[in-house]
Amino acid sequence: MIDEIRQFVFDSMSDMNYSTDGIDDDTVLGPAGADLESIVLAELAVRVEDRFGFKFEDESDALAGMTVGEFCHDVERRIESASKADASTG
């Protein structure tokens, strides 16, 4: 699952005209690394929400400090939590 998430993040960055050259799991998403602006981080969050079926709360500031790897693992955890919540209510 983590590889699928990572590929989706990289594809989304490319779609938004951000180069993924030299970016790996240790690259910070925000200004210290990939240099994604807050509006781009918000767009990435929306794309991830739509693709994987969960919602971020208003966390764009926290996303800027995450590395690509941390973000992917956070998304994976949220997907698992959303699946468990759906299973318990369904």
C-alpha atoms as a PDB file:
ATOM      1  CA  MET A   1       0.000   0.000   0.000  1.00  0.00           C
ATOM      2  CA  ILE A   2       2.807   2.431   0.856  1.00  0.00           C
ATOM      3  CA  ASP A   3       4.271   2.125  -2.656  1.00  0.00           C
ATOM      4  CA  GLU A   4       0.880   2.962  -4.171  1.00  0.00           C
ATOM      5  CA  ILE A   5       0.560   6.023  -1.938  1.00  0.00           C
ATOM      6  CA  ARG A   6       4.101   7.183  -2.740  1.00  0.00           C
ATOM      7  CA  GLN A   7       3.499   6.785  -6.485  1.00  0.00           C
ATOM      8  CA  PHE A   8       0.250   8.730  -6.204  1.00  0.00           C
ATOM      9  CA  VAL A   9       2.049  11.553  -4.338  1.00  0.00           C
ATOM     10  CA  PHE A  10       4.784  11.714  -6.983  1.00  0.00           C
ATOM     11  CA  ASP A  11       2.250  11.588  -9.833  1.00  0.00           C
ATOM     12  CA  SER A  12       0.225  14.358  -8.178  1.00  0.00           C
ATOM     13  CA  MET A  13       3.306  16.526  -7.741  1.00  0.00           C
ATOM     14  CA  SER A  14       4.152  16.045 -11.421  1.00  0.00           C
ATOM     15  CA  ASP A  15       0.566  16.881 -12.419  1.00  0.00           C
ATOM     16  CA  MET A  16       0.913  20.130 -10.449  1.00  0.00           C
ATOM     17  CA  ASN A  17       4.135  20.968 -12.342  1.00  0.00           C
ATOM     18  CA  TYR A  18       6.535  20.188  -9.495  1.00  0.00           C
ATOM     19  CA  SER A  19       9.665  18.252 -10.334  1.00  0.00           C
ATOM     20  CA  THR A  20      10.199  15.043  -8.392  1.00  0.00           C
ATOM     21  CA  ASP A  21      13.854  14.779  -9.416  1.00  0.00           C
ATOM     22  CA  GLY A  22      15.979  14.178  -6.335  1.00  0.00           C
ATOM     23  CA  ILE A  23      12.941  13.783  -4.068  1.00  0.00           C
ATOM     24  CA  ASP A  24      12.767  10.684  -1.885  1.00  0.00           C
ATOM     25  CA  ASP A  25      11.225   9.554   1.406  1.00  0.00           C
ATOM     26  CA  ASP A  26      13.578  11.808   3.383  1.00  0.00           C
ATOM     27  CA  THR A  27      12.649  14.993   1.500  1.00  0.00           C
ATOM     28  CA  VAL A  28      10.550  17.481   3.474  1.00  0.00           C
ATOM     29  CA  LEU A  29       7.387  18.496   1.602  1.00  0.00           C
ATOM     30  CA  GLY A  30       7.581  22.175   2.543  1.00  0.00           C
ATOM     31  CA  PRO A  31      10.144  24.927   2.006  1.00  0.00           C
ATOM     32  CA  ALA A  32      13.086  22.984   3.428  1.00  0.00           C
ATOM     33  CA  GLY A  33      12.822  20.278   0.769  1.00  0.00           C
ATOM     34  CA  ALA A  34      10.354  19.791  -2.081  1.00  0.00           C
ATOM     35  CA  ASP A  35       9.343  23.448  -1.627  1.00  0.00           C
ATOM     36  CA  LEU A  36       5.608  22.849  -1.987  1.00  0.00           C
ATOM     37  CA  GLU A  37       3.687  26.014  -1.203  1.00  0.00           C
ATOM     38  CA  SER A  38       0.752  25.842   1.206  1.00  0.00           C
ATOM     39  CA  ILE A  39      -1.812  26.008  -1.614  1.00  0.00           C
ATOM     40  CA  VAL A  40      -0.071  23.087  -3.345  1.00  0.00           C
ATOM     41  CA  LEU A  41       0.007  21.113  -0.093  1.00  0.00           C
ATOM     42  CA  ALA A  42      -3.721  21.738   0.263  1.00  0.00           C
ATOM     43  CA  GLU A  43      -4.287  20.513  -3.299  1.00  0.00           C
ATOM     44  CA  LEU A  44      -2.162  17.424  -2.636  1.00  0.00           C
ATOM     45  CA  ALA A  45      -4.191  16.718   0.510  1.00  0.00           C
ATOM     46  CA  VAL A  46      -7.467  17.003  -1.445  1.00  0.00           C
ATOM     47  CA  ARG A  47      -6.166  14.677  -4.157  1.00  0.00           C
ATOM     48  CA  VAL A  48      -5.087  12.126  -1.538  1.00  0.00           C
ATOM     49  CA  GLU A  49      -8.448  12.418   0.251  1.00  0.00           C
ATOM     50  CA  ASP A  50     -10.344  11.860  -2.995  1.00  0.00           C
ATOM     51  CA  ARG A  51      -8.183   8.938  -4.050  1.00  0.00           C
ATOM     52  CA  PHE A  52      -7.983   7.096  -0.735  1.00  0.00           C
ATOM     53  CA  GLY A  53     -11.324   7.983   0.854  1.00  0.00           C
ATOM     54  CA  PHE A  54     -10.601   9.853   4.065  1.00  0.00           C
ATOM     55  CA  LYS A  55     -10.427  13.487   5.190  1.00  0.00           C
ATOM     56  CA  PHE A  56      -7.551  15.473   6.643  1.00  0.00           C
ATOM     57  CA  GLU A  57      -8.549  18.010   9.220  1.00  0.00           C
ATOM     58  CA  ASP A  58      -7.069  21.495   8.729  1.00  0.00           C
ATOM     59  CA  GLU A  59      -3.468  20.283   8.895  1.00  0.00           C
ATOM     60  CA  SER A  60      -1.637  21.970   6.021  1.00  0.00           C
ATOM     61  CA  ASP A  61       0.930  23.502   8.391  1.00  0.00           C
ATOM     62  CA  ALA A  62       1.766  20.064   9.783  1.00  0.00           C
ATOM     63  CA  LEU A  63       2.054  18.613   6.276  1.00  0.00           C
ATOM     64  CA  ALA A  64       4.739  21.153   5.330  1.00  0.00           C
ATOM     65  CA  GLY A  65       7.018  19.784   8.054  1.00  0.00           C
ATOM     66  CA  MET A  66       6.591  16.144   7.079  1.00  0.00           C
ATOM     67  CA  THR A  67       8.934  14.227   4.846  1.00  0.00           C
ATOM     68  CA  VAL A  68       7.516  12.375   1.852  1.00  0.00           C
ATOM     69  CA  GLY A  69       7.958   9.117   3.774  1.00  0.00           C
ATOM     70  CA  GLU A  70       6.228  10.444   6.889  1.00  0.00           C
ATOM     71  CA  PHE A  71       3.365  11.743   4.776  1.00  0.00           C
ATOM     72  CA  CYS A  72       2.942   8.395   2.999  1.00  0.00           C
ATOM     73  CA  HIS A  73       2.961   6.490   6.300  1.00  0.00           C
ATOM     74  CA  ASP A  74       0.474   8.974   7.777  1.00  0.00           C
ATOM     75  CA  VAL A  75      -1.819   8.455   4.784  1.00  0.00           C
ATOM     76  CA  GLU A  76      -1.510   4.674   5.163  1.00  0.00           C
ATOM     77  CA  ARG A  77      -2.438   4.935   8.850  1.00  0.00           C
ATOM     78  CA  ARG A  78      -5.450   7.111   8.037  1.00  0.00           C
ATOM     79  CA  ILE A  79      -6.624   4.682   5.351  1.00  0.00           C
ATOM     80  CA  GLU A  80      -6.422   1.830   7.852  1.00  0.00           C
ATOM     81  CA  SER A  81      -8.294   3.865  10.482  1.00  0.00           C
ATOM     82  CA  ALA A  82     -11.002   4.834   7.984  1.00  0.00           C
ATOM     83  CA  SER A  83     -11.368   1.196   6.914  1.00  0.00           C
ATOM     84  CA  LYS A  84     -11.731   0.052  10.519  1.00  0.00           C
ATOM     85  CA  ALA A  85     -14.285   2.780  11.208  1.00  0.00           C
ATOM     86  CA  ASP A  86     -16.269   1.779   8.106  1.00  0.00           C
ATOM     87  CA  ALA A  87     -16.154  -1.884   9.120  1.00  0.00           C
ATOM     88  CA  SER A  88     -17.434  -1.161  12.618  1.00  0.00           C
ATOM     89  CA  THR A  89     -20.342   0.933  11.348  1.00  0.00           C
ATOM     90  CA  GLY A  90     -21.217  -1.262   8.396  1.00  0.00           C
END
